[in-house]
Amino acid sequence: MPKADGFIDPHRLYTRRAALGAVGVGMNTMRAARRAGIELRTLPVGKQLLCLGRDVISYLQLVSEHQQQEAAHTSEGTEAAS
């Protein structure tokens, strides 16, 4: 995976791998998000699936919110068990 520089241009087209690699998101995170119902919107262009930078940014915000909710839910369960 290329080094993550953390920048996504909202007006640029990316492959899923390039977009997620740019911000350091791996395939496991993407699979977990898909299982939670969070999909990265893509555009079929020829034989490739591309995504707009603004859709990548929206996707990352949703994934982050989901991870925070999961973490809060997990920590609540741990505190209740104590």
PDB file of N, CA and C in Angstrom:
ATOM      1  N   MET A   1       0.858  -1.180   0.000  1.00  0.00           N
ATOM      2  CA  MET A   1       0.000   0.000   0.000  1.00  0.00           C
ATOM      3  C   MET A   1       0.895   1.231   0.000  1.00  0.00           C
ATOM      4  N   PRO A   2       0.541   2.255  -0.831  1.00  0.00           N
ATOM      5  CA  PRO A   2       1.344   3.471  -0.834  1.00  0.00           C
ATOM      6  C   PRO A   2       1.270   4.187   0.503  1.00  0.00           C
ATOM      7  N   LYS A   3       2.279   5.019   0.754  1.00  0.00           N
ATOM      8  CA  LYS A   3       2.319   5.758   2.009  1.00  0.00           C
ATOM      9  C   LYS A   3       1.118   6.712   2.087  1.00  0.00           C
ATOM     10  N   ALA A   4       0.464   6.736   3.237  1.00  0.00           N
ATOM     11  CA  ALA A   4      -0.701   7.592   3.435  1.00  0.00           C
ATOM     12  C   ALA A   4      -0.260   9.030   3.662  1.00  0.00           C
ATOM     13  N   ASP A   5      -0.775   9.945   2.828  1.00  0.00           N
ATOM     14  CA  ASP A   5      -0.471  11.360   3.042  1.00  0.00           C
ATOM     15  C   ASP A   5      -1.643  12.087   3.688  1.00  0.00           C
ATOM     16  N   GLY A   6      -2.804  11.412   3.781  1.00  0.00           N
ATOM     17  CA  GLY A   6      -3.947  11.962   4.497  1.00  0.00           C
ATOM     18  C   GLY A   6      -4.727  13.021   3.752  1.00  0.00           C
ATOM     19  N   PHE A   7      -4.466  13.193   2.458  1.00  0.00           N
ATOM     20  CA  PHE A   7      -5.167  14.230   1.704  1.00  0.00           C
ATOM     21  C   PHE A   7      -6.007  13.607   0.605  1.00  0.00           C
ATOM     22  N   ILE A   8      -7.273  13.983   0.561  1.00  0.00           N
ATOM     23  CA  ILE A   8      -8.177  13.579  -0.517  1.00  0.00           C
ATOM     24  C   ILE A   8      -8.724  14.858  -1.138  1.00  0.00           C
ATOM     25  N   ASP A   9      -8.501  15.020  -2.425  1.00  0.00           N
ATOM     26  CA  ASP A   9      -9.044  16.171  -3.158  1.00  0.00           C
ATOM     27  C   ASP A   9     -10.506  15.873  -3.478  1.00  0.00           C
ATOM     28  N   PRO A  10     -11.451  16.682  -2.982  1.00  0.00           N
ATOM     29  CA  PRO A  10     -12.870  16.389  -3.191  1.00  0.00           C
ATOM     30  C   PRO A  10     -13.302  16.410  -4.657  1.00  0.00           C
ATOM     31  N   HIS A  11     -12.488  16.990  -5.539  1.00  0.00           N
ATOM     32  CA  HIS A  11     -12.870  17.112  -6.951  1.00  0.00           C
ATOM     33  C   HIS A  11     -12.157  16.110  -7.853  1.00  0.00           C
ATOM     34  N   ARG A  12     -11.371  15.240  -7.272  1.00  0.00           N
ATOM     35  CA  ARG A  12     -10.590  14.276  -8.055  1.00  0.00           C
ATOM     36  C   ARG A  12     -11.269  12.912  -8.056  1.00  0.00           C
ATOM     37  N   LEU A  13     -11.038  12.128  -9.097  1.00  0.00           N
ATOM     38  CA  LEU A  13     -11.493  10.743  -9.148  1.00  0.00           C
ATOM     39  C   LEU A  13     -10.382   9.831  -8.643  1.00  0.00           C
ATOM     40  N   TYR A  14     -10.777   8.808  -7.871  1.00  0.00           N
ATOM     41  CA  TYR A  14      -9.829   7.851  -7.305  1.00  0.00           C
ATOM     42  C   TYR A  14     -10.332   6.434  -7.536  1.00  0.00           C
ATOM     43  N   THR A  15      -9.415   5.490  -7.608  1.00  0.00           N
ATOM     44  CA  THR A  15      -9.817   4.094  -7.450  1.00  0.00           C
ATOM     45  C   THR A  15     -10.044   3.904  -5.955  1.00  0.00           C
ATOM     46  N   ARG A  16     -10.788   2.888  -5.585  1.00  0.00           N
ATOM     47  CA  ARG A  16     -11.008   2.646  -4.149  1.00  0.00           C
ATOM     48  C   ARG A  16      -9.695   2.428  -3.430  1.00  0.00           C
ATOM     49  N   ARG A  17      -8.837   1.631  -4.012  1.00  0.00           N
ATOM     50  CA  ARG A  17      -7.551   1.316  -3.376  1.00  0.00           C
ATOM     51  C   ARG A  17      -6.703   2.574  -3.187  1.00  0.00           C
ATOM     52  N   ALA A  18      -6.648   3.434  -4.208  1.00  0.00           N
ATOM     53  CA  ALA A  18      -5.840   4.657  -4.108  1.00  0.00           C
ATOM     54  C   ALA A  18      -6.417   5.606  -3.066  1.00  0.00           C
ATOM     55  N   ALA A  19      -7.729   5.756  -3.052  1.00  0.00           N
ATOM     56  CA  ALA A  19      -8.360   6.678  -2.104  1.00  0.00           C
ATOM     57  C   ALA A  19      -8.158   6.220  -0.675  1.00  0.00           C
ATOM     58  N   LEU A  20      -8.442   4.963  -0.407  1.00  0.00           N
ATOM     59  CA  LEU A  20      -8.325   4.467   0.956  1.00  0.00           C
ATOM     60  C   LEU A  20      -6.867   4.346   1.379  1.00  0.00           C
ATOM     61  N   GLY A  21      -5.996   4.023   0.431  1.00  0.00           N
ATOM     62  CA  GLY A  21      -4.570   3.969   0.727  1.00  0.00           C
ATOM     63  C   GLY A  21      -4.011   5.342   1.070  1.00  0.00           C
ATOM     64  N   ALA A  22      -4.556   6.389   0.433  1.00  0.00           N
ATOM     65  CA  ALA A  22      -4.070   7.753   0.690  1.00  0.00           C
ATOM     66  C   ALA A  22      -4.312   8.174   2.132  1.00  0.00           C
ATOM     67  N   VAL A  23      -5.340   7.616   2.754  1.00  0.00           N
ATOM     68  CA  VAL A  23      -5.641   7.987   4.148  1.00  0.00           C
ATOM     69  C   VAL A  23      -5.354   6.853   5.125  1.00  0.00           C
ATOM     70  N   GLY A  24      -4.796   5.755   4.618  1.00  0.00           N
ATOM     71  CA  GLY A  24      -4.369   4.668   5.495  1.00  0.00           C
ATOM     72  C   GLY A  24      -5.474   3.727   5.939  1.00  0.00           C
ATOM     73  N   VAL A  25      -6.574   3.674   5.199  1.00  0.00           N
ATOM     74  CA  VAL A  25      -7.662   2.755   5.536  1.00  0.00           C
ATOM     75  C   VAL A  25      -7.428   1.447   4.785  1.00  0.00           C
ATOM     76  N   GLY A  26      -7.451   0.348   5.512  1.00  0.00           N
ATOM     77  CA  GLY A  26      -7.206  -0.950   4.912  1.00  0.00           C
ATOM     78  C   GLY A  26      -8.485  -1.668   4.498  1.00  0.00           C
ATOM     79  N   MET A  27      -8.307  -2.783   3.826  1.00  0.00           N
ATOM     80  CA  MET A  27      -9.446  -3.556   3.339  1.00  0.00           C
ATOM     81  C   MET A  27     -10.278  -4.124   4.491  1.00  0.00           C
ATOM     82  N   ASN A  28      -9.656  -4.453   5.618  1.00  0.00           N
ATOM     83  CA  ASN A  28     -10.425  -4.971   6.752  1.00  0.00           C
ATOM     84  C   ASN A  28     -11.402  -3.924   7.280  1.00  0.00           C
ATOM     85  N   THR A  29     -10.959  -2.676   7.337  1.00  0.00           N
ATOM     86  CA  THR A  29     -11.842  -1.593   7.772  1.00  0.00           C
ATOM     87  C   THR A  29     -12.986  -1.420   6.781  1.00  0.00           C
ATOM     88  N   MET A  30     -12.656  -1.518   5.496  1.00  0.00           N
ATOM     89  CA  MET A  30     -13.681  -1.376   4.462  1.00  0.00           C
ATOM     90  C   MET A  30     -14.703  -2.510   4.542  1.00  0.00           C
ATOM     91  N   ARG A  31     -14.236  -3.725   4.785  1.00  0.00           N
ATOM     92  CA  ARG A  31     -15.160  -4.866   4.917  1.00  0.00           C
ATOM     93  C   ARG A  31     -16.064  -4.706   6.144  1.00  0.00           C
ATOM     94  N   ALA A  32     -15.484  -4.280   7.255  1.00  0.00           N
ATOM     95  CA  ALA A  32     -16.271  -4.075   8.472  1.00  0.00           C
ATOM     96  C   ALA A  32     -17.326  -2.991   8.248  1.00  0.00           C
ATOM     97  N   ALA A  33     -16.956  -1.939   7.533  1.00  0.00           N
ATOM     98  CA  ALA A  33     -17.918  -0.871   7.236  1.00  0.00           C
ATOM     99  C   ALA A  33     -19.037  -1.401   6.355  1.00  0.00           C
ATOM    100  N   ARG A  34     -18.691  -2.213   5.373  1.00  0.00           N
ATOM    101  CA  ARG A  34     -19.712  -2.787   4.482  1.00  0.00           C
ATOM    102  C   ARG A  34     -20.679  -3.658   5.277  1.00  0.00           C
ATOM    103  N   ARG A  35     -20.153  -4.440   6.223  1.00  0.00           N
ATOM    104  CA  ARG A  35     -21.025  -5.281   7.063  1.00  0.00           C
ATOM    105  C   ARG A  35     -21.950  -4.426   7.922  1.00  0.00           C
ATOM    106  N   ALA A  36     -21.508  -3.213   8.256  1.00  0.00           N
ATOM    107  CA  ALA A  36     -22.322  -2.286   9.051  1.00  0.00           C
ATOM    108  C   ALA A  36     -23.266  -1.469   8.170  1.00  0.00           C
ATOM    109  N   GLY A  37     -23.248  -1.725   6.861  1.00  0.00           N
ATOM    110  CA  GLY A  37     -24.144  -1.023   5.949  1.00  0.00           C
ATOM    111  C   GLY A  37     -23.584   0.266   5.381  1.00  0.00           C
ATOM    112  N   ILE A  38     -22.285   0.481   5.542  1.00  0.00           N
ATOM    113  CA  ILE A  38     -21.648   1.698   5.026  1.00  0.00           C
ATOM    114  C   ILE A  38     -20.903   1.332   3.750  1.00  0.00           C
ATOM    115  N   GLU A  39     -21.340   1.900   2.643  1.00  0.00           N
ATOM    116  CA  GLU A  39     -20.736   1.607   1.335  1.00  0.00           C
ATOM    117  C   GLU A  39     -20.060   2.848   0.774  1.00  0.00           C
ATOM    118  N   LEU A  40     -18.946   2.649   0.101  1.00  0.00           N
ATOM    119  CA  LEU A  40     -18.285   3.724  -0.618  1.00  0.00           C
ATOM    120  C   LEU A  40     -18.923   3.812  -1.993  1.00  0.00           C
ATOM    121  N   ARG A  41     -19.513   4.958  -2.291  1.00  0.00           N
ATOM    122  CA  ARG A  41     -20.187   5.148  -3.573  1.00  0.00           C
ATOM    123  C   ARG A  41     -19.155   5.145  -4.691  1.00  0.00           C
ATOM    124  N   THR A  42     -19.414   4.379  -5.752  1.00  0.00           N
ATOM    125  CA  THR A  42     -18.487   4.274  -6.873  1.00  0.00           C
ATOM    126  C   THR A  42     -19.199   4.569  -8.187  1.00  0.00           C
ATOM    127  N   LEU A  43     -18.404   4.916  -9.176  1.00  0.00           N
ATOM    128  CA  LEU A  43     -18.892   5.188 -10.523  1.00  0.00           C
ATOM    129  C   LEU A  43     -18.211   4.214 -11.471  1.00  0.00           C
ATOM    130  N   PRO A  44     -18.978   3.431 -12.233  1.00  0.00           N
ATOM    131  CA  PRO A  44     -18.335   2.549 -13.207  1.00  0.00           C
ATOM    132  C   PRO A  44     -17.836   3.369 -14.405  1.00  0.00           C
ATOM    133  N   VAL A  45     -16.544   3.291 -14.658  1.00  0.00           N
ATOM    134  CA  VAL A  45     -15.932   3.979 -15.794  1.00  0.00           C
ATOM    135  C   VAL A  45     -15.115   2.946 -16.539  1.00  0.00           C
ATOM    136  N   GLY A  46     -15.613   2.530 -17.679  1.00  0.00           N
ATOM    137  CA  GLY A  46     -14.958   1.443 -18.406  1.00  0.00           C
ATOM    138  C   GLY A  46     -14.999   0.185 -17.550  1.00  0.00           C
ATOM    139  N   LYS A  47     -13.848  -0.403 -17.307  1.00  0.00           N
ATOM    140  CA  LYS A  47     -13.771  -1.603 -16.469  1.00  0.00           C
ATOM    141  C   LYS A  47     -13.401  -1.293 -15.033  1.00  0.00           C
ATOM    142  N   GLN A  48     -13.276   0.000 -14.707  1.00  0.00           N
ATOM    143  CA  GLN A  48     -12.876   0.385 -13.350  1.00  0.00           C
ATOM    144  C   GLN A  48     -14.059   0.934 -12.568  1.00  0.00           C
ATOM    145  N   LEU A  49     -13.951   0.819 -11.258  1.00  0.00           N
ATOM    146  CA  LEU A  49     -14.878   1.499 -10.356  1.00  0.00           C
ATOM    147  C   LEU A  49     -14.116   2.650  -9.729  1.00  0.00           C
ATOM    148  N   LEU A  50     -14.580   3.861  -9.997  1.00  0.00           N
ATOM    149  CA  LEU A  50     -13.923   5.049  -9.462  1.00  0.00           C
ATOM    150  C   LEU A  50     -14.839   5.733  -8.465  1.00  0.00           C
ATOM    151  N   CYS A  51     -14.260   6.534  -7.607  1.00  0.00           N
ATOM    152  CA  CYS A  51     -15.059   7.277  -6.640  1.00  0.00           C
ATOM    153  C   CYS A  51     -14.577   8.718  -6.597  1.00  0.00           C
ATOM    154  N   LEU A  52     -15.527   9.610  -6.403  1.00  0.00           N
ATOM    155  CA  LEU A  52     -15.208  11.022  -6.265  1.00  0.00           C
ATOM    156  C   LEU A  52     -14.605  11.280  -4.892  1.00  0.00           C
ATOM    157  N   GLY A  53     -13.661  12.201  -4.828  1.00  0.00           N
ATOM    158  CA  GLY A  53     -13.038  12.526  -3.560  1.00  0.00           C
ATOM    159  C   GLY A  53     -14.050  12.930  -2.501  1.00  0.00           C
ATOM    160  N   ARG A  54     -15.074  13.682  -2.878  1.00  0.00           N
ATOM    161  CA  ARG A  54     -16.066  14.108  -1.881  1.00  0.00           C
ATOM    162  C   ARG A  54     -16.834  12.910  -1.322  1.00  0.00           C
ATOM    163  N   ASP A  55     -17.042  11.873  -2.147  1.00  0.00           N
ATOM    164  CA  ASP A  55     -17.700  10.662  -1.648  1.00  0.00           C
ATOM    165  C   ASP A  55     -16.783   9.887  -0.704  1.00  0.00           C
ATOM    166  N   VAL A  56     -15.488   9.921  -0.975  1.00  0.00           N
ATOM    167  CA  VAL A  56     -14.514   9.267  -0.086  1.00  0.00           C
ATOM    168  C   VAL A  56     -14.523   9.964   1.270  1.00  0.00           C
ATOM    169  N   ILE A  57     -14.555  11.291   1.248  1.00  0.00           N
ATOM    170  CA  ILE A  57     -14.565  12.052   2.498  1.00  0.00           C
ATOM    171  C   ILE A  57     -15.834  11.750   3.302  1.00  0.00           C
ATOM    172  N   SER A  58     -16.979  11.721   2.636  1.00  0.00           N
ATOM    173  CA  SER A  58     -18.239  11.386   3.321  1.00  0.00           C
ATOM    174  C   SER A  58     -18.187   9.978   3.904  1.00  0.00           C
ATOM    175  N   TYR A  59     -17.646   9.046   3.127  1.00  0.00           N
ATOM    176  CA  TYR A  59     -17.505   7.660   3.570  1.00  0.00           C
ATOM    177  C   TYR A  59     -16.638   7.585   4.830  1.00  0.00           C
ATOM    178  N   LEU A  60     -15.516   8.286   4.815  1.00  0.00           N
ATOM    179  CA  LEU A  60     -14.617   8.262   5.970  1.00  0.00           C
ATOM    180  C   LEU A  60     -15.277   8.849   7.207  1.00  0.00           C
ATOM    181  N   GLN A  61     -16.086   9.882   7.027  1.00  0.00           N
ATOM    182  CA  GLN A  61     -16.808  10.462   8.166  1.00  0.00           C
ATOM    183  C   GLN A  61     -17.787   9.442   8.752  1.00  0.00           C
ATOM    184  N   LEU A  62     -18.505   8.729   7.889  1.00  0.00           N
ATOM    185  CA  LEU A  62     -19.447   7.711   8.369  1.00  0.00           C
ATOM    186  C   LEU A  62     -18.720   6.571   9.078  1.00  0.00           C
ATOM    187  N   VAL A  63     -17.610   6.131   8.505  1.00  0.00           N
ATOM    188  CA  VAL A  63     -16.828   5.047   9.119  1.00  0.00           C
ATOM    189  C   VAL A  63     -16.320   5.486  10.487  1.00  0.00           C
ATOM    190  N   SER A  64     -15.828   6.711  10.586  1.00  0.00           N
ATOM    191  CA  SER A  64     -15.326   7.230  11.853  1.00  0.00           C
ATOM    192  C   SER A  64     -16.438   7.284  12.903  1.00  0.00           C
ATOM    193  N   GLU A  65     -17.602   7.789  12.519  1.00  0.00           N
ATOM    194  CA  GLU A  65     -18.730   7.854  13.450  1.00  0.00           C
ATOM    195  C   GLU A  65     -19.129   6.451  13.917  1.00  0.00           C
ATOM    196  N   HIS A  66     -19.145   5.509  13.002  1.00  0.00           N
ATOM    197  CA  HIS A  66     -19.503   4.132  13.353  1.00  0.00           C
ATOM    198  C   HIS A  66     -18.485   3.534  14.325  1.00  0.00           C
ATOM    199  N   GLN A  67     -17.201   3.769  14.064  1.00  0.00           N
ATOM    200  CA  GLN A  67     -16.164   3.233  14.945  1.00  0.00           C
ATOM    201  C   GLN A  67     -16.257   3.852  16.335  1.00  0.00           C
ATOM    202  N   GLN A  68     -16.570   5.137  16.408  1.00  0.00           N
ATOM    203  CA  GLN A  68     -16.718   5.793  17.710  1.00  0.00           C
ATOM    204  C   GLN A  68     -17.909   5.225  18.470  1.00  0.00           C
ATOM    205  N   GLN A  69     -19.013   4.967  17.770  1.00  0.00           N
ATOM    206  CA  GLN A  69     -20.186   4.374  18.412  1.00  0.00           C
ATOM    207  C   GLN A  69     -19.881   2.968  18.906  1.00  0.00           C
ATOM    208  N   GLU A  70     -19.172   2.194  18.096  1.00  0.00           N
ATOM    209  CA  GLU A  70     -18.782   0.844  18.492  1.00  0.00           C
ATOM    210  C   GLU A  70     -17.885   0.871  19.722  1.00  0.00           C
ATOM    211  N   ALA A  71     -16.929   1.795  19.739  1.00  0.00           N
ATOM    212  CA  ALA A  71     -16.017   1.907  20.873  1.00  0.00           C
ATOM    213  C   ALA A  71     -16.781   2.294  22.145  1.00  0.00           C
ATOM    214  N   ALA A  72     -17.718   3.230  22.017  1.00  0.00           N
ATOM    215  CA  ALA A  72     -18.517   3.657  23.168  1.00  0.00           C
ATOM    216  C   ALA A  72     -19.372   2.505  23.672  1.00  0.00           C
ATOM    217  N   HIS A  73     -19.949   1.757  22.745  1.00  0.00           N
ATOM    218  CA  HIS A  73     -20.788   0.617  23.125  1.00  0.00           C
ATOM    219  C   HIS A  73     -19.961  -0.457  23.820  1.00  0.00           C
ATOM    220  N   THR A  74     -18.753  -0.710  23.316  1.00  0.00           N
ATOM    221  CA  THR A  74     -17.868  -1.705  23.910  1.00  0.00           C
ATOM    222  C   THR A  74     -17.428  -1.269  25.308  1.00  0.00           C
ATOM    223  N   SER A  75     -17.084   0.013  25.455  1.00  0.00           N
ATOM    224  CA  SER A  75     -16.622   0.472  26.769  1.00  0.00           C
ATOM    225  C   SER A  75     -17.780   0.479  27.784  1.00  0.00           C
ATOM    226  N   GLU A  76     -19.010   0.722  27.357  1.00  0.00           N
ATOM    227  CA  GLU A  76     -20.160   0.661  28.251  1.00  0.00           C
ATOM    228  C   GLU A  76     -20.352  -0.767  28.748  1.00  0.00           C
ATOM    229  N   GLY A  77     -20.192  -1.733  27.860  1.00  0.00           N
ATOM    230  CA  GLY A  77     -20.332  -3.129  28.245  1.00  0.00           C
ATOM    231  C   GLY A  77     -19.252  -3.563  29.210  1.00  0.00           C
ATOM    232  N   THR A  78     -18.042  -3.049  29.038  1.00  0.00           N
ATOM    233  CA  THR A  78     -16.935  -3.373  29.935  1.00  0.00           C
ATOM    234  C   THR A  78     -17.159  -2.772  31.305  1.00  0.00           C
ATOM    235  N   GLU A  79     -17.659  -1.535  31.359  1.00  0.00           N
ATOM    236  CA  GLU A  79     -17.921  -0.873  32.653  1.00  0.00           C
ATOM    237  C   GLU A  79     -19.047  -1.572  33.395  1.00  0.00           C
ATOM    238  N   ALA A  80     -20.054  -2.042  32.680  1.00  0.00           N
ATOM    239  CA  ALA A  80     -21.183  -2.710  33.312  1.00  0.00           C
ATOM    240  C   ALA A  80     -20.765  -4.054  33.910  1.00  0.00           C
ATOM    241  N   ALA A  81     -19.787  -4.694  33.287  1.00  0.00           N
ATOM    242  CA  ALA A  81     -19.321  -5.998  33.762  1.00  0.00           C
ATOM    243  C   ALA A  81     -18.434  -5.866  34.998  1.00  0.00           C
ATOM    244  N   SER A  82     -17.901  -4.674  35.240  1.00  0.00           N
ATOM    245  CA  SER A  82     -16.988  -4.470  36.372  1.00  0.00           C
ATOM    246  C   SER A  82     -17.694  -4.451  37.693  1.00  0.00           C
TER     247      SER A  82
END
